[in-house]
Amino acid sequence: MLFPMSGLLRVDGLMALMDGEHIGPFNLGNPGEFTMLELAEVVKEVIDPSATIEFKANTADDPHKRKPDISRAKELLNWEPKVPLRDGLPLMVNDFRNRILNEDEGKGN
């Protein structure tokens, strides 16, 4: 997860992977298990309480729940998420907003 720290964006899991000697796939996700509806409700609550949630049909291969296995990252990279979803979402949104505003300012808007 991206989050501002000391004015820089830090992606600790990716940095550990780049700095390490390990090769192969690593899941750097959040191991908490939740449905897409639960995720949408957290996004709505934290980011925009006036947002509406739309229900669409899933594709046939869409998993009903998602729970990444981060055991390789924990064991080999000594990495695990440190920012809870409810704390990280506003940080990510603020970072994206700042990037967009700075990009727009550079265009003379």
PDB file of N, CA and C in Angstrom:
ATOM      1  N   MET A   1       0.840  -1.164   0.000  1.00  0.00           N
ATOM      2  CA  MET A   1       0.000   0.000   0.000  1.00  0.00           C
ATOM      3  C   MET A   1       0.890   1.234   0.000  1.00  0.00           C
ATOM      4  N   LEU A   2       0.525   2.215  -0.755  1.00  0.00           N
ATOM      5  CA  LEU A   2       1.270   3.463  -0.796  1.00  0.00           C
ATOM      6  C   LEU A   2       0.837   4.342   0.360  1.00  0.00           C
ATOM      7  N   PHE A   3       1.796   4.978   1.000  1.00  0.00           N
ATOM      8  CA  PHE A   3       1.436   5.947   2.018  1.00  0.00           C
ATOM      9  C   PHE A   3       2.569   6.951   2.162  1.00  0.00           C
ATOM     10  N   PRO A   4       2.225   8.247   2.398  1.00  0.00           N
ATOM     11  CA  PRO A   4       3.248   9.268   2.517  1.00  0.00           C
ATOM     12  C   PRO A   4       4.012   9.105   3.822  1.00  0.00           C
ATOM     13  N   MET A   5       5.286   9.290   3.767  1.00  0.00           N
ATOM     14  CA  MET A   5       6.104   9.236   4.964  1.00  0.00           C
ATOM     15  C   MET A   5       7.332  10.095   4.699  1.00  0.00           C
ATOM     16  N   SER A   6       7.531  11.101   5.521  1.00  0.00           N
ATOM     17  CA  SER A   6       8.659  12.013   5.373  1.00  0.00           C
ATOM     18  C   SER A   6       8.693  12.642   3.987  1.00  0.00           C
ATOM     19  N   GLY A   7       7.521  12.933   3.422  1.00  0.00           N
ATOM     20  CA  GLY A   7       7.471  13.587   2.125  1.00  0.00           C
ATOM     21  C   GLY A   7       7.727  12.659   0.952  1.00  0.00           C
ATOM     22  N   LEU A   8       8.033  11.421   1.205  1.00  0.00           N
ATOM     23  CA  LEU A   8       8.297  10.469   0.128  1.00  0.00           C
ATOM     24  C   LEU A   8       7.260   9.369   0.147  1.00  0.00           C
ATOM     25  N   LEU A   9       7.006   8.780  -1.010  1.00  0.00           N
ATOM     26  CA  LEU A   9       6.148   7.605  -1.041  1.00  0.00           C
ATOM     27  C   LEU A   9       6.998   6.393  -0.728  1.00  0.00           C
ATOM     28  N   ARG A  10       6.514   5.561   0.174  1.00  0.00           N
ATOM     29  CA  ARG A  10       7.264   4.359   0.539  1.00  0.00           C
ATOM     30  C   ARG A  10       6.440   3.141   0.200  1.00  0.00           C
ATOM     31  N   VAL A  11       7.073   2.211  -0.389  1.00  0.00           N
ATOM     32  CA  VAL A  11       6.451   0.931  -0.683  1.00  0.00           C
ATOM     33  C   VAL A  11       7.419  -0.110  -0.141  1.00  0.00           C
ATOM     34  N   ASP A  12       7.282  -0.368   1.150  1.00  0.00           N
ATOM     35  CA  ASP A  12       8.257  -1.205   1.846  1.00  0.00           C
ATOM     36  C   ASP A  12       8.380  -2.612   1.274  1.00  0.00           C
ATOM     37  N   GLY A  13       7.268  -3.220   0.903  1.00  0.00           N
ATOM     38  CA  GLY A  13       7.322  -4.578   0.368  1.00  0.00           C
ATOM     39  C   GLY A  13       8.092  -4.642  -0.940  1.00  0.00           C
ATOM     40  N   LEU A  14       7.819  -3.699  -1.833  1.00  0.00           N
ATOM     41  CA  LEU A  14       8.538  -3.676  -3.109  1.00  0.00           C
ATOM     42  C   LEU A  14      10.019  -3.366  -2.910  1.00  0.00           C
ATOM     43  N   MET A  15      10.298  -2.472  -1.981  1.00  0.00           N
ATOM     44  CA  MET A  15      11.705  -2.138  -1.701  1.00  0.00           C
ATOM     45  C   MET A  15      12.443  -3.362  -1.162  1.00  0.00           C
ATOM     46  N   ALA A  16      11.802  -4.098  -0.257  1.00  0.00           N
ATOM     47  CA  ALA A  16      12.424  -5.303   0.292  1.00  0.00           C
ATOM     48  C   ALA A  16      12.653  -6.335  -0.808  1.00  0.00           C
ATOM     49  N   LEU A  17      11.719  -6.447  -1.730  1.00  0.00           N
ATOM     50  CA  LEU A  17      11.862  -7.389  -2.838  1.00  0.00           C
ATOM     51  C   LEU A  17      13.006  -6.976  -3.766  1.00  0.00           C
ATOM     52  N   MET A  18      13.088  -5.694  -4.089  1.00  0.00           N
ATOM     53  CA  MET A  18      14.163  -5.207  -4.967  1.00  0.00           C
ATOM     54  C   MET A  18      15.531  -5.322  -4.307  1.00  0.00           C
ATOM     55  N   ASP A  19      15.596  -5.081  -3.012  1.00  0.00           N
ATOM     56  CA  ASP A  19      16.870  -5.119  -2.303  1.00  0.00           C
ATOM     57  C   ASP A  19      17.304  -6.534  -1.945  1.00  0.00           C
ATOM     58  N   GLY A  20      16.381  -7.478  -2.011  1.00  0.00           N
ATOM     59  CA  GLY A  20      16.677  -8.851  -1.594  1.00  0.00           C
ATOM     60  C   GLY A  20      17.196  -9.705  -2.735  1.00  0.00           C
ATOM     61  N   GLU A  21      17.486 -10.939  -2.402  1.00  0.00           N
ATOM     62  CA  GLU A  21      18.017 -11.897  -3.367  1.00  0.00           C
ATOM     63  C   GLU A  21      16.950 -12.871  -3.855  1.00  0.00           C
ATOM     64  N   HIS A  22      15.736 -12.734  -3.379  1.00  0.00           N
ATOM     65  CA  HIS A  22      14.692 -13.706  -3.683  1.00  0.00           C
ATOM     66  C   HIS A  22      14.013 -13.385  -5.009  1.00  0.00           C
ATOM     67  N   ILE A  23      13.732 -14.431  -5.765  1.00  0.00           N
ATOM     68  CA  ILE A  23      13.094 -14.295  -7.065  1.00  0.00           C
ATOM     69  C   ILE A  23      11.790 -15.074  -7.039  1.00  0.00           C
ATOM     70  N   GLY A  24      10.843 -14.598  -7.789  1.00  0.00           N
ATOM     71  CA  GLY A  24       9.575 -15.308  -7.881  1.00  0.00           C
ATOM     72  C   GLY A  24       8.438 -14.441  -7.411  1.00  0.00           C
ATOM     73  N   PRO A  25       7.248 -14.956  -7.513  1.00  0.00           N
ATOM     74  CA  PRO A  25       6.094 -14.147  -7.131  1.00  0.00           C
ATOM     75  C   PRO A  25       5.974 -13.988  -5.619  1.00  0.00           C
ATOM     76  N   PHE A  26       5.633 -12.777  -5.221  1.00  0.00           N
ATOM     77  CA  PHE A  26       5.359 -12.459  -3.823  1.00  0.00           C
ATOM     78  C   PHE A  26       4.042 -11.713  -3.785  1.00  0.00           C
ATOM     79  N   ASN A  27       3.158 -12.106  -2.907  1.00  0.00           N
ATOM     80  CA  ASN A  27       1.909 -11.395  -2.737  1.00  0.00           C
ATOM     81  C   ASN A  27       2.126 -10.335  -1.665  1.00  0.00           C
ATOM     82  N   LEU A  28       1.968  -9.077  -2.050  1.00  0.00           N
ATOM     83  CA  LEU A  28       2.137  -7.969  -1.116  1.00  0.00           C
ATOM     84  C   LEU A  28       0.784  -7.334  -0.807  1.00  0.00           C
ATOM     85  N   GLY A  29      -0.228  -8.154  -0.731  1.00  0.00           N
ATOM     86  CA  GLY A  29      -1.567  -7.676  -0.441  1.00  0.00           C
ATOM     87  C   GLY A  29      -1.865  -7.668   1.037  1.00  0.00           C
ATOM     88  N   ASN A  30      -3.106  -7.346   1.341  1.00  0.00           N
ATOM     89  CA  ASN A  30      -3.575  -7.351   2.713  1.00  0.00           C
ATOM     90  C   ASN A  30      -4.201  -8.712   2.986  1.00  0.00           C
ATOM     91  N   PRO A  31      -3.733  -9.448   3.994  1.00  0.00           N
ATOM     92  CA  PRO A  31      -4.242 -10.790   4.225  1.00  0.00           C
ATOM     93  C   PRO A  31      -5.618 -10.851   4.875  1.00  0.00           C
ATOM     94  N   GLY A  32      -6.191  -9.716   5.178  1.00  0.00           N
ATOM     95  CA  GLY A  32      -7.532  -9.721   5.750  1.00  0.00           C
ATOM     96  C   GLY A  32      -8.532 -10.222   4.728  1.00  0.00           C
ATOM     97  N   GLU A  33      -9.450 -11.084   5.149  1.00  0.00           N
ATOM     98  CA  GLU A  33     -10.443 -11.632   4.228  1.00  0.00           C
ATOM     99  C   GLU A  33     -11.718 -10.817   4.318  1.00  0.00           C
ATOM    100  N   PHE A  34     -12.192 -10.349   3.173  1.00  0.00           N
ATOM    101  CA  PHE A  34     -13.432  -9.597   3.130  1.00  0.00           C
ATOM    102  C   PHE A  34     -14.044  -9.718   1.745  1.00  0.00           C
ATOM    103  N   THR A  35     -15.345  -9.527   1.676  1.00  0.00           N
ATOM    104  CA  THR A  35     -16.045  -9.564   0.392  1.00  0.00           C
ATOM    105  C   THR A  35     -15.861  -8.218  -0.302  1.00  0.00           C
ATOM    106  N   MET A  36     -16.166  -8.177  -1.580  1.00  0.00           N
ATOM    107  CA  MET A  36     -16.078  -6.912  -2.311  1.00  0.00           C
ATOM    108  C   MET A  36     -17.096  -5.904  -1.762  1.00  0.00           C
ATOM    109  N   LEU A  37     -18.252  -6.399  -1.301  1.00  0.00           N
ATOM    110  CA  LEU A  37     -19.238  -5.504  -0.701  1.00  0.00           C
ATOM    111  C   LEU A  37     -18.678  -4.879   0.579  1.00  0.00           C
ATOM    112  N   GLU A  38     -18.014  -5.686   1.399  1.00  0.00           N
ATOM    113  CA  GLU A  38     -17.401  -5.143   2.623  1.00  0.00           C
ATOM    114  C   GLU A  38     -16.350  -4.093   2.280  1.00  0.00           C
ATOM    115  N   LEU A  39     -15.546  -4.348   1.251  1.00  0.00           N
ATOM    116  CA  LEU A  39     -14.547  -3.365   0.829  1.00  0.00           C
ATOM    117  C   LEU A  39     -15.231  -2.090   0.337  1.00  0.00           C
ATOM    118  N   ALA A  40     -16.273  -2.242  -0.481  1.00  0.00           N
ATOM    119  CA  ALA A  40     -16.997  -1.072  -0.988  1.00  0.00           C
ATOM    120  C   ALA A  40     -17.599  -0.255   0.152  1.00  0.00           C
ATOM    121  N   GLU A  41     -18.112  -0.931   1.164  1.00  0.00           N
ATOM    122  CA  GLU A  41     -18.699  -0.215   2.304  1.00  0.00           C
ATOM    123  C   GLU A  41     -17.636   0.557   3.085  1.00  0.00           C
ATOM    124  N   VAL A  42     -16.451  -0.011   3.236  1.00  0.00           N
ATOM    125  CA  VAL A  42     -15.364   0.706   3.918  1.00  0.00           C
ATOM    126  C   VAL A  42     -14.940   1.914   3.090  1.00  0.00           C
ATOM    127  N   VAL A  43     -14.803   1.732   1.772  1.00  0.00           N
ATOM    128  CA  VAL A  43     -14.431   2.851   0.895  1.00  0.00           C
ATOM    129  C   VAL A  43     -15.469   3.958   1.005  1.00  0.00           C
ATOM    130  N   LYS A  44     -16.732   3.588   0.957  1.00  0.00           N
ATOM    131  CA  LYS A  44     -17.812   4.572   1.066  1.00  0.00           C
ATOM    132  C   LYS A  44     -17.744   5.299   2.408  1.00  0.00           C
ATOM    133  N   GLU A  45     -17.610   4.553   3.480  1.00  0.00           N
ATOM    134  CA  GLU A  45     -17.575   5.139   4.822  1.00  0.00           C
ATOM    135  C   GLU A  45     -16.393   6.091   5.003  1.00  0.00           C
ATOM    136  N   VAL A  46     -15.231   5.674   4.538  1.00  0.00           N
ATOM    137  CA  VAL A  46     -14.007   6.433   4.794  1.00  0.00           C
ATOM    138  C   VAL A  46     -13.790   7.556   3.786  1.00  0.00           C
ATOM    139  N   ILE A  47     -14.161   7.322   2.533  1.00  0.00           N
ATOM    140  CA  ILE A  47     -13.844   8.274   1.469  1.00  0.00           C
ATOM    141  C   ILE A  47     -15.013   9.192   1.117  1.00  0.00           C
ATOM    142  N   ASP A  48     -16.201   8.617   0.911  1.00  0.00           N
ATOM    143  CA  ASP A  48     -17.332   9.429   0.456  1.00  0.00           C
ATOM    144  C   ASP A  48     -18.649   8.810   0.905  1.00  0.00           C
ATOM    145  N   PRO A  49     -19.148   9.208   2.088  1.00  0.00           N
ATOM    146  CA  PRO A  49     -20.396   8.635   2.603  1.00  0.00           C
ATOM    147  C   PRO A  49     -21.599   8.838   1.687  1.00  0.00           C
ATOM    148  N   SER A  50     -21.531   9.811   0.765  1.00  0.00           N
ATOM    149  CA  SER A  50     -22.666  10.038  -0.134  1.00  0.00           C
ATOM    150  C   SER A  50     -22.612   9.144  -1.373  1.00  0.00           C
ATOM    151  N   ALA A  51     -21.550   8.387  -1.544  1.00  0.00           N
ATOM    152  CA  ALA A  51     -21.424   7.496  -2.704  1.00  0.00           C
ATOM    153  C   ALA A  51     -22.456   6.380  -2.635  1.00  0.00           C
ATOM    154  N   THR A  52     -22.823   5.869  -3.790  1.00  0.00           N
ATOM    155  CA  THR A  52     -23.734   4.739  -3.836  1.00  0.00           C
ATOM    156  C   THR A  52     -22.972   3.512  -4.333  1.00  0.00           C
ATOM    157  N   ILE A  53     -23.403   2.367  -3.886  1.00  0.00           N
ATOM    158  CA  ILE A  53     -22.791   1.108  -4.299  1.00  0.00           C
ATOM    159  C   ILE A  53     -23.705   0.474  -5.335  1.00  0.00           C
ATOM    160  N   GLU A  54     -23.146   0.170  -6.504  1.00  0.00           N
ATOM    161  CA  GLU A  54     -23.911  -0.467  -7.567  1.00  0.00           C
ATOM    162  C   GLU A  54     -23.563  -1.946  -7.616  1.00  0.00           C
ATOM    163  N   PHE A  55     -24.557  -2.759  -7.793  1.00  0.00           N
ATOM    164  CA  PHE A  55     -24.360  -4.204  -7.888  1.00  0.00           C
ATOM    165  C   PHE A  55     -24.405  -4.622  -9.349  1.00  0.00           C
ATOM    166  N   LYS A  56     -23.382  -5.327  -9.775  1.00  0.00           N
ATOM    167  CA  LYS A  56     -23.281  -5.847 -11.139  1.00  0.00           C
ATOM    168  C   LYS A  56     -23.046  -7.349 -11.049  1.00  0.00           C
ATOM    169  N   ALA A  57     -23.398  -8.048 -12.090  1.00  0.00           N
ATOM    170  CA  ALA A  57     -23.174  -9.492 -12.116  1.00  0.00           C
ATOM    171  C   ALA A  57     -21.671  -9.777 -12.158  1.00  0.00           C
ATOM    172  N   ASN A  58     -21.258 -10.768 -11.380  1.00  0.00           N
ATOM    173  CA  ASN A  58     -19.854 -11.188 -11.388  1.00  0.00           C
ATOM    174  C   ASN A  58     -19.555 -11.983 -12.643  1.00  0.00           C
ATOM    175  N   THR A  59     -18.278 -11.985 -13.013  1.00  0.00           N
ATOM    176  CA  THR A  59     -17.858 -12.880 -14.074  1.00  0.00           C
ATOM    177  C   THR A  59     -17.795 -14.287 -13.483  1.00  0.00           C
ATOM    178  N   ALA A  60     -17.813 -15.278 -14.312  1.00  0.00           N
ATOM    179  CA  ALA A  60     -17.855 -16.666 -13.840  1.00  0.00           C
ATOM    180  C   ALA A  60     -16.645 -17.026 -12.985  1.00  0.00           C
ATOM    181  N   ASP A  61     -15.496 -16.439 -13.267  1.00  0.00           N
ATOM    182  CA  ASP A  61     -14.275 -16.809 -12.539  1.00  0.00           C
ATOM    183  C   ASP A  61     -13.944 -15.866 -11.384  1.00  0.00           C
ATOM    184  N   ASP A  62     -14.856 -14.972 -11.055  1.00  0.00           N
ATOM    185  CA  ASP A  62     -14.594 -14.006  -9.982  1.00  0.00           C
ATOM    186  C   ASP A  62     -14.711 -14.676  -8.621  1.00  0.00           C
ATOM    187  N   PRO A  63     -13.647 -14.597  -7.789  1.00  0.00           N
ATOM    188  CA  PRO A  63     -13.748 -15.204  -6.462  1.00  0.00           C
ATOM    189  C   PRO A  63     -14.722 -14.425  -5.579  1.00  0.00           C
ATOM    190  N   HIS A  64     -15.424 -15.137  -4.713  1.00  0.00           N
ATOM    191  CA  HIS A  64     -16.388 -14.477  -3.832  1.00  0.00           C
ATOM    192  C   HIS A  64     -15.705 -13.786  -2.670  1.00  0.00           C
ATOM    193  N   LYS A  65     -14.587 -14.305  -2.247  1.00  0.00           N
ATOM    194  CA  LYS A  65     -13.796 -13.672  -1.199  1.00  0.00           C
ATOM    195  C   LYS A  65     -12.350 -13.648  -1.639  1.00  0.00           C
ATOM    196  N   ARG A  66     -11.620 -12.707  -1.110  1.00  0.00           N
ATOM    197  CA  ARG A  66     -10.213 -12.580  -1.442  1.00  0.00           C
ATOM    198  C   ARG A  66      -9.408 -12.570  -0.157  1.00  0.00           C
ATOM    199  N   LYS A  67      -8.408 -13.423  -0.099  1.00  0.00           N
ATOM    200  CA  LYS A  67      -7.538 -13.464   1.068  1.00  0.00           C
ATOM    201  C   LYS A  67      -6.134 -13.834   0.589  1.00  0.00           C
ATOM    202  N   PRO A  68      -5.318 -12.826   0.292  1.00  0.00           N
ATOM    203  CA  PRO A  68      -3.974 -13.104  -0.204  1.00  0.00           C
ATOM    204  C   PRO A  68      -3.129 -13.866   0.816  1.00  0.00           C
ATOM    205  N   ASP A  69      -2.320 -14.769   0.316  1.00  0.00           N
ATOM    206  CA  ASP A  69      -1.371 -15.495   1.149  1.00  0.00           C
ATOM    207  C   ASP A  69      -0.048 -14.741   1.095  1.00  0.00           C
ATOM    208  N   ILE A  70       0.294 -14.061   2.180  1.00  0.00           N
ATOM    209  CA  ILE A  70       1.521 -13.260   2.202  1.00  0.00           C
ATOM    210  C   ILE A  70       2.641 -13.969   2.958  1.00  0.00           C
ATOM    211  N   SER A  71       2.514 -15.276   3.156  1.00  0.00           N
ATOM    212  CA  SER A  71       3.498 -16.003   3.962  1.00  0.00           C
ATOM    213  C   SER A  71       4.916 -15.904   3.392  1.00  0.00           C
ATOM    214  N   ARG A  72       5.075 -15.944   2.064  1.00  0.00           N
ATOM    215  CA  ARG A  72       6.424 -15.816   1.478  1.00  0.00           C
ATOM    216  C   ARG A  72       7.016 -14.446   1.784  1.00  0.00           C
ATOM    217  N   ALA A  73       6.205 -13.401   1.680  1.00  0.00           N
ATOM    218  CA  ALA A  73       6.682 -12.049   1.958  1.00  0.00           C
ATOM    219  C   ALA A  73       7.078 -11.903   3.425  1.00  0.00           C
ATOM    220  N   LYS A  74       6.282 -12.485   4.309  1.00  0.00           N
ATOM    221  CA  LYS A  74       6.596 -12.420   5.743  1.00  0.00           C
ATOM    222  C   LYS A  74       7.887 -13.166   6.048  1.00  0.00           C
ATOM    223  N   GLU A  75       8.012 -14.366   5.487  1.00  0.00           N
ATOM    224  CA  GLU A  75       9.157 -15.218   5.802  1.00  0.00           C
ATOM    225  C   GLU A  75      10.449 -14.736   5.141  1.00  0.00           C
ATOM    226  N   LEU A  76      10.395 -14.450   3.843  1.00  0.00           N
ATOM    227  CA  LEU A  76      11.623 -14.159   3.102  1.00  0.00           C
ATOM    228  C   LEU A  76      11.975 -12.677   3.040  1.00  0.00           C
ATOM    229  N   LEU A  77      10.978 -11.811   3.096  1.00  0.00           N
ATOM    230  CA  LEU A  77      11.234 -10.372   3.009  1.00  0.00           C
ATOM    231  C   LEU A  77      11.059  -9.667   4.348  1.00  0.00           C
ATOM    232  N   ASN A  78      10.577 -10.409   5.343  1.00  0.00           N
ATOM    233  CA  ASN A  78      10.272  -9.812   6.642  1.00  0.00           C
ATOM    234  C   ASN A  78       9.323  -8.620   6.473  1.00  0.00           C
ATOM    235  N   TRP A  79       8.293  -8.833   5.640  1.00  0.00           N
ATOM    236  CA  TRP A  79       7.348  -7.773   5.325  1.00  0.00           C
ATOM    237  C   TRP A  79       5.925  -8.225   5.609  1.00  0.00           C
ATOM    238  N   GLU A  80       5.144  -7.296   6.104  1.00  0.00           N
ATOM    239  CA  GLU A  80       3.701  -7.445   6.204  1.00  0.00           C
ATOM    240  C   GLU A  80       3.108  -6.050   6.263  1.00  0.00           C
ATOM    241  N   PRO A  81       1.838  -5.900   5.882  1.00  0.00           N
ATOM    242  CA  PRO A  81       1.230  -4.569   5.890  1.00  0.00           C
ATOM    243  C   PRO A  81       1.233  -3.977   7.298  1.00  0.00           C
ATOM    244  N   LYS A  82       1.475  -2.686   7.370  1.00  0.00           N
ATOM    245  CA  LYS A  82       1.516  -2.007   8.668  1.00  0.00           C
ATOM    246  C   LYS A  82       0.426  -0.955   8.814  1.00  0.00           C
ATOM    247  N   VAL A  83      -0.217  -0.610   7.713  1.00  0.00           N
ATOM    248  CA  VAL A  83      -1.247   0.425   7.730  1.00  0.00           C
ATOM    249  C   VAL A  83      -2.604  -0.238   7.503  1.00  0.00           C
ATOM    250  N   PRO A  84      -3.510  -0.158   8.481  1.00  0.00           N
ATOM    251  CA  PRO A  84      -4.840  -0.745   8.300  1.00  0.00           C
ATOM    252  C   PRO A  84      -5.599  -0.069   7.155  1.00  0.00           C
ATOM    253  N   LEU A  85      -6.493  -0.810   6.526  1.00  0.00           N
ATOM    254  CA  LEU A  85      -7.263  -0.307   5.391  1.00  0.00           C
ATOM    255  C   LEU A  85      -7.928   1.028   5.705  1.00  0.00           C
ATOM    256  N   ARG A  86      -8.587   1.127   6.843  1.00  0.00           N
ATOM    257  CA  ARG A  86      -9.306   2.361   7.191  1.00  0.00           C
ATOM    258  C   ARG A  86      -8.374   3.561   7.346  1.00  0.00           C
ATOM    259  N   ASP A  87      -7.126   3.322   7.724  1.00  0.00           N
ATOM    260  CA  ASP A  87      -6.150   4.409   7.835  1.00  0.00           C
ATOM    261  C   ASP A  87      -5.474   4.690   6.497  1.00  0.00           C
ATOM    262  N   GLY A  88      -5.227   3.637   5.734  1.00  0.00           N
ATOM    263  CA  GLY A  88      -4.493   3.775   4.476  1.00  0.00           C
ATOM    264  C   GLY A  88      -5.294   4.393   3.351  1.00  0.00           C
ATOM    265  N   LEU A  89      -6.602   4.117   3.295  1.00  0.00           N
ATOM    266  CA  LEU A  89      -7.425   4.665   2.214  1.00  0.00           C
ATOM    267  C   LEU A  89      -7.380   6.192   2.163  1.00  0.00           C
ATOM    268  N   PRO A  90      -7.625   6.893   3.266  1.00  0.00           N
ATOM    269  CA  PRO A  90      -7.558   8.363   3.189  1.00  0.00           C
ATOM    270  C   PRO A  90      -6.162   8.864   2.808  1.00  0.00           C
ATOM    271  N   LEU A  91      -5.121   8.192   3.281  1.00  0.00           N
ATOM    272  CA  LEU A  91      -3.764   8.593   2.913  1.00  0.00           C
ATOM    273  C   LEU A  91      -3.536   8.440   1.415  1.00  0.00           C
ATOM    274  N   MET A  92      -4.013   7.330   0.857  1.00  0.00           N
ATOM    275  CA  MET A  92      -3.863   7.087  -0.574  1.00  0.00           C
ATOM    276  C   MET A  92      -4.650   8.117  -1.384  1.00  0.00           C
ATOM    277  N   VAL A  93      -5.890   8.392  -0.976  1.00  0.00           N
ATOM    278  CA  VAL A  93      -6.714   9.371  -1.695  1.00  0.00           C
ATOM    279  C   VAL A  93      -6.062  10.746  -1.647  1.00  0.00           C
ATOM    280  N   ASN A  94      -5.569  11.157  -0.485  1.00  0.00           N
ATOM    281  CA  ASN A  94      -4.903  12.456  -0.375  1.00  0.00           C
ATOM    282  C   ASN A  94      -3.668  12.514  -1.262  1.00  0.00           C
ATOM    283  N   ASP A  95      -2.910  11.424  -1.307  1.00  0.00           N
ATOM    284  CA  ASP A  95      -1.724  11.379  -2.154  1.00  0.00           C
ATOM    285  C   ASP A  95      -2.116  11.525  -3.626  1.00  0.00           C
ATOM    286  N   PHE A  96      -3.150  10.787  -4.064  1.00  0.00           N
ATOM    287  CA  PHE A  96      -3.599  10.887  -5.449  1.00  0.00           C
ATOM    288  C   PHE A  96      -4.103  12.288  -5.757  1.00  0.00           C
ATOM    289  N   ARG A  97      -4.877  12.872  -4.833  1.00  0.00           N
ATOM    290  CA  ARG A  97      -5.378  14.242  -5.055  1.00  0.00           C
ATOM    291  C   ARG A  97      -4.224  15.227  -5.215  1.00  0.00           C
ATOM    292  N   ASN A  98      -3.227  15.111  -4.341  1.00  0.00           N
ATOM    293  CA  ASN A  98      -2.067  15.998  -4.440  1.00  0.00           C
ATOM    294  C   ASN A  98      -1.346  15.824  -5.765  1.00  0.00           C
ATOM    295  N   ARG A  99      -1.189  14.605  -6.216  1.00  0.00           N
ATOM    296  CA  ARG A  99      -0.530  14.355  -7.500  1.00  0.00           C
ATOM    297  C   ARG A  99      -1.319  14.977  -8.643  1.00  0.00           C
ATOM    298  N   ILE A 100      -2.649  14.791  -8.618  1.00  0.00           N
ATOM    299  CA  ILE A 100      -3.484  15.341  -9.686  1.00  0.00           C
ATOM    300  C   ILE A 100      -3.425  16.860  -9.673  1.00  0.00           C
ATOM    301  N   LEU A 101      -3.542  17.461  -8.488  1.00  0.00           N
ATOM    302  CA  LEU A 101      -3.476  18.921  -8.396  1.00  0.00           C
ATOM    303  C   LEU A 101      -2.136  19.442  -8.868  1.00  0.00           C
ATOM    304  N   ASN A 102      -1.045  18.801  -8.464  1.00  0.00           N
ATOM    305  CA  ASN A 102       0.281  19.230  -8.893  1.00  0.00           C
ATOM    306  C   ASN A 102       0.457  19.055 -10.391  1.00  0.00           C
ATOM    307  N   GLU A 103      -0.111  17.986 -10.945  1.00  0.00           N
ATOM    308  CA  GLU A 103      -0.033  17.756 -12.385  1.00  0.00           C
ATOM    309  C   GLU A 103      -0.823  18.835 -13.130  1.00  0.00           C
ATOM    310  N   ASP A 104      -2.034  19.156 -12.619  1.00  0.00           N
ATOM    311  CA  ASP A 104      -2.852  20.191 -13.252  1.00  0.00           C
ATOM    312  C   ASP A 104      -2.177  21.546 -13.180  1.00  0.00           C
ATOM    313  N   GLU A 105      -1.530  21.865 -12.056  1.00  0.00           N
ATOM    314  CA  GLU A 105      -0.830  23.146 -11.927  1.00  0.00           C
ATOM    315  C   GLU A 105       0.304  23.257 -12.935  1.00  0.00           C
ATOM    316  N   GLY A 106       0.961  22.150 -13.200  1.00  0.00           N
ATOM    317  CA  GLY A 106       2.059  22.138 -14.172  1.00  0.00           C
ATOM    318  C   GLY A 106       1.585  22.352 -15.597  1.00  0.00           C
ATOM    319  N   LYS A 107       0.289  22.135 -15.846  1.00  0.00           N
ATOM    320  CA  LYS A 107      -0.275  22.319 -17.189  1.00  0.00           C
ATOM    321  C   LYS A 107      -0.799  23.723 -17.388  1.00  0.00           C
ATOM    322  N   GLY A 108      -0.691  24.566 -16.358  1.00  0.00           N
ATOM    323  CA  GLY A 108      -1.168  25.935 -16.478  1.00  0.00           C
ATOM    324  C   GLY A 108      -2.662  26.083 -16.274  1.00  0.00           C
ATOM    325  N   ASN A 109      -3.302  25.101 -15.678  1.00  0.00           N
ATOM    326  CA  ASN A 109      -4.753  25.174 -15.401  1.00  0.00           C
ATOM    327  C   ASN A 109      -5.037  25.987 -14.183  1.00  0.00           C
TER     328      ASN A 109
END
